[in-house]
Amino acid sequence: MAKKDCYHMDGDKLVRAKPVCPKCGPGVFMAQHEDRTSCGRCGYTEFKKKQ
């Protein structure tokens, strides 16, 4: 996925469309899976709560 696909325009502001890794910082996006979000760089993972 290209970096340009991780952002979208909201009026005149540029907004991030995906969550950012809290360990790696801005510029490193997390992949969104069905049951979790994970960072491909450091391996940080957040599991989604089951409802």
Protein backbone atom coordinates (compact mmCIF):
# COMPACT_ATOMS: atom_id res chain seq x y z
CA MET A 1 0.00 0.00 0.00
CA ALA A 2 1.32 3.43 -0.91
CA LYS A 3 1.77 6.11 1.76
CA LYS A 4 -0.61 8.39 -0.14
CA ASP A 5 -3.42 5.89 0.48
CA CYS A 6 -3.02 6.24 4.26
CA TYR A 7 -4.26 9.86 4.21
CA HIS A 8 -7.40 11.64 3.05
CA MET A 9 -8.50 15.27 2.75
CA ASP A 10 -11.11 16.68 5.12
CA GLY A 11 -11.87 20.12 3.74
CA ASP A 12 -8.46 21.80 3.70
CA LYS A 13 -6.85 19.46 6.27
CA LEU A 14 -4.88 16.27 5.71
CA VAL A 15 -6.13 13.48 8.01
CA ARG A 16 -4.56 10.08 8.76
CA ALA A 17 -6.85 7.23 7.69
CA LYS A 18 -5.09 4.47 9.67
CA PRO A 19 -3.90 4.25 13.28
CA VAL A 20 -0.26 5.13 14.03
CA CYS A 21 2.02 2.84 16.05
CA PRO A 22 2.48 4.24 19.58
CA LYS A 23 5.98 2.74 19.87
CA CYS A 24 7.39 3.75 16.45
CA GLY A 25 5.70 7.14 16.27
CA PRO A 26 4.23 9.23 13.44
CA GLY A 27 4.78 7.91 9.94
CA VAL A 28 4.53 4.21 10.86
CA PHE A 29 0.99 2.99 10.32
CA MET A 30 -0.59 -0.13 11.79
CA ALA A 31 -2.24 -2.81 9.65
CA GLN A 32 -5.91 -3.42 10.37
CA HIS A 33 -6.86 -7.08 10.58
CA GLU A 34 -10.20 -8.66 11.48
CA ASP A 35 -9.35 -9.23 15.16
CA ARG A 36 -6.35 -6.93 15.73
CA THR A 37 -4.23 -4.01 14.58
CA SER A 38 -0.50 -4.61 14.29
CA CYS A 39 2.70 -2.79 13.41
CA GLY A 40 4.79 -4.42 10.69
CA ARG A 41 7.95 -2.67 11.85
CA CYS A 42 8.16 -3.49 15.59
CA GLY A 43 5.42 -6.12 16.00
CA TYR A 44 3.27 -4.12 18.45
CA THR A 45 -0.28 -5.55 18.45
CA GLU A 46 -3.59 -4.34 19.86
CA PHE A 47 -6.39 -6.91 19.94
CA LYS A 48 -9.98 -5.83 19.29
CA LYS A 49 -12.56 -6.59 21.95
CA LYS A 50 -15.11 -9.28 21.10
CA GLN A 51 -18.73 -8.25 21.42
